[in-house]
Amino acid sequence: FIVGCIALVARLFIVKSLIGLSLKDYFVNVVLRCIMVCLPAVASSFLLNNCLDKTLSHSIAIILFSGFSVCVFAFCFGLNTTEKSFLIRKVKNLFNF
């Protein structure tokens, strides 16, 4: 994990010099949004996993809940308003609302 983070920072400094990438904008718009999606989804799935028995049906329920929670948190925290409106418009067009 630490080596991956160091490699990410090194790659970002290389890209910054090549294309003028703002590191602050990258961390706010990409890394922070990823953390805001991953942490609540993992935490809620972990809590659910600890509350339920270790059976096949509960494992399937945890998998479904994890996928659903990632989608919800990605929509709430991972998308900006333009992306949210685009996604809503596409879903409405798909179902002809």
Protein backbone atom coordinates (compact mmCIF):
# COMPACT_ATOMS: atom_id res chain seq x y z
CA PHE A 1 0.00 0.00 0.00
CA ILE A 2 2.73 2.46 0.96
CA VAL A 3 4.80 1.66 -2.13
CA GLY A 4 1.70 2.17 -4.29
CA CYS A 5 1.06 5.57 -2.71
CA ILE A 6 4.67 6.63 -3.23
CA ALA A 7 4.49 5.48 -6.85
CA LEU A 8 1.24 7.44 -7.33
CA VAL A 9 2.83 10.64 -6.01
CA ALA A 10 5.91 10.11 -8.22
CA ARG A 11 3.71 9.60 -11.30
CA LEU A 12 1.70 12.69 -10.42
CA PHE A 13 4.83 14.83 -10.24
CA ILE A 14 5.90 13.53 -13.67
CA VAL A 15 2.47 14.24 -15.16
CA LYS A 16 2.36 17.63 -13.46
CA SER A 17 5.50 18.73 -15.24
CA LEU A 18 4.33 17.32 -18.59
CA ILE A 19 0.78 18.69 -18.78
CA GLY A 20 0.54 21.19 -15.94
CA LEU A 21 -1.71 19.06 -13.74
CA SER A 22 -2.78 20.73 -10.50
CA LEU A 23 -2.03 18.28 -7.69
CA LYS A 24 -4.51 19.99 -5.38
CA ASP A 25 -7.31 19.64 -7.92
CA TYR A 26 -6.40 16.01 -8.52
CA PHE A 27 -6.45 15.12 -4.85
CA VAL A 28 -9.71 17.00 -4.19
CA ASN A 29 -11.54 15.83 -7.31
CA VAL A 30 -10.24 12.26 -7.56
CA VAL A 31 -8.58 10.89 -4.43
CA LEU A 32 -10.91 12.51 -1.91
CA ARG A 33 -13.99 11.39 -3.85
CA CYS A 34 -12.65 7.82 -4.00
CA ILE A 35 -12.09 7.85 -0.26
CA MET A 36 -15.58 9.27 0.32
CA VAL A 37 -17.05 6.37 -1.67
CA CYS A 38 -14.86 3.56 -0.37
CA LEU A 39 -14.77 4.23 3.36
CA PRO A 40 -18.53 4.30 4.06
CA ALA A 41 -19.18 1.38 1.71
CA VAL A 42 -16.48 -0.77 3.31
CA ALA A 43 -17.47 0.26 6.85
CA SER A 44 -21.16 -0.51 6.33
CA SER A 45 -20.38 -3.86 4.69
CA PHE A 46 -17.96 -4.72 7.50
CA LEU A 47 -20.57 -3.91 10.15
CA LEU A 48 -23.20 -5.97 8.34
CA ASN A 49 -20.75 -8.85 8.02
CA ASN A 50 -20.10 -8.81 11.76
CA CYS A 51 -23.82 -8.72 12.60
CA LEU A 52 -24.90 -11.66 10.45
CA ASP A 53 -24.10 -15.34 10.72
CA LYS A 54 -21.62 -16.92 8.35
CA THR A 55 -24.09 -18.69 6.05
CA LEU A 56 -24.38 -18.72 2.28
CA SER A 57 -27.59 -16.67 2.22
CA HIS A 58 -26.07 -14.02 4.45
CA SER A 59 -22.95 -13.94 2.29
CA ILE A 60 -25.10 -13.33 -0.78
CA ALA A 61 -26.99 -10.60 1.11
CA ILE A 62 -23.71 -8.93 2.07
CA ILE A 63 -22.48 -9.05 -1.53
CA LEU A 64 -25.71 -7.48 -2.80
CA PHE A 65 -25.68 -4.87 -0.03
CA SER A 66 -22.04 -4.03 -0.76
CA GLY A 67 -22.74 -3.48 -4.46
CA PHE A 68 -25.79 -1.37 -3.66
CA SER A 69 -23.94 0.71 -1.07
CA VAL A 70 -21.07 1.40 -3.47
CA CYS A 71 -23.58 2.61 -6.08
CA VAL A 72 -25.36 4.84 -3.55
CA PHE A 73 -22.17 6.32 -2.12
CA ALA A 74 -20.71 6.79 -5.61
CA PHE A 75 -23.82 8.68 -6.66
CA CYS A 76 -23.94 10.78 -3.47
CA PHE A 77 -20.25 11.56 -3.01
CA GLY A 78 -18.42 10.50 -6.16
CA LEU A 79 -20.30 12.48 -8.78
CA ASN A 80 -20.57 16.23 -9.18
CA THR A 81 -23.91 17.89 -10.02
CA THR A 82 -23.32 17.78 -13.78
CA GLU A 83 -22.51 14.07 -13.70
CA LYS A 84 -25.52 13.36 -11.48
CA SER A 85 -27.91 15.18 -13.80
CA PHE A 86 -26.40 13.39 -16.82
CA LEU A 87 -26.85 10.00 -15.14
CA ILE A 88 -30.44 10.79 -14.10
CA ARG A 89 -31.26 11.93 -17.63
CA LYS A 90 -29.80 8.73 -19.12
CA VAL A 91 -31.72 6.52 -16.70
CA LYS A 92 -34.94 8.40 -17.47
CA ASN A 93 -34.31 7.98 -21.20
CA LEU A 94 -33.58 4.29 -20.70
CA PHE A 95 -36.88 3.71 -18.92
CA ASN A 96 -38.80 6.34 -20.96
CA PHE A 97 -40.04 8.42 -18.03
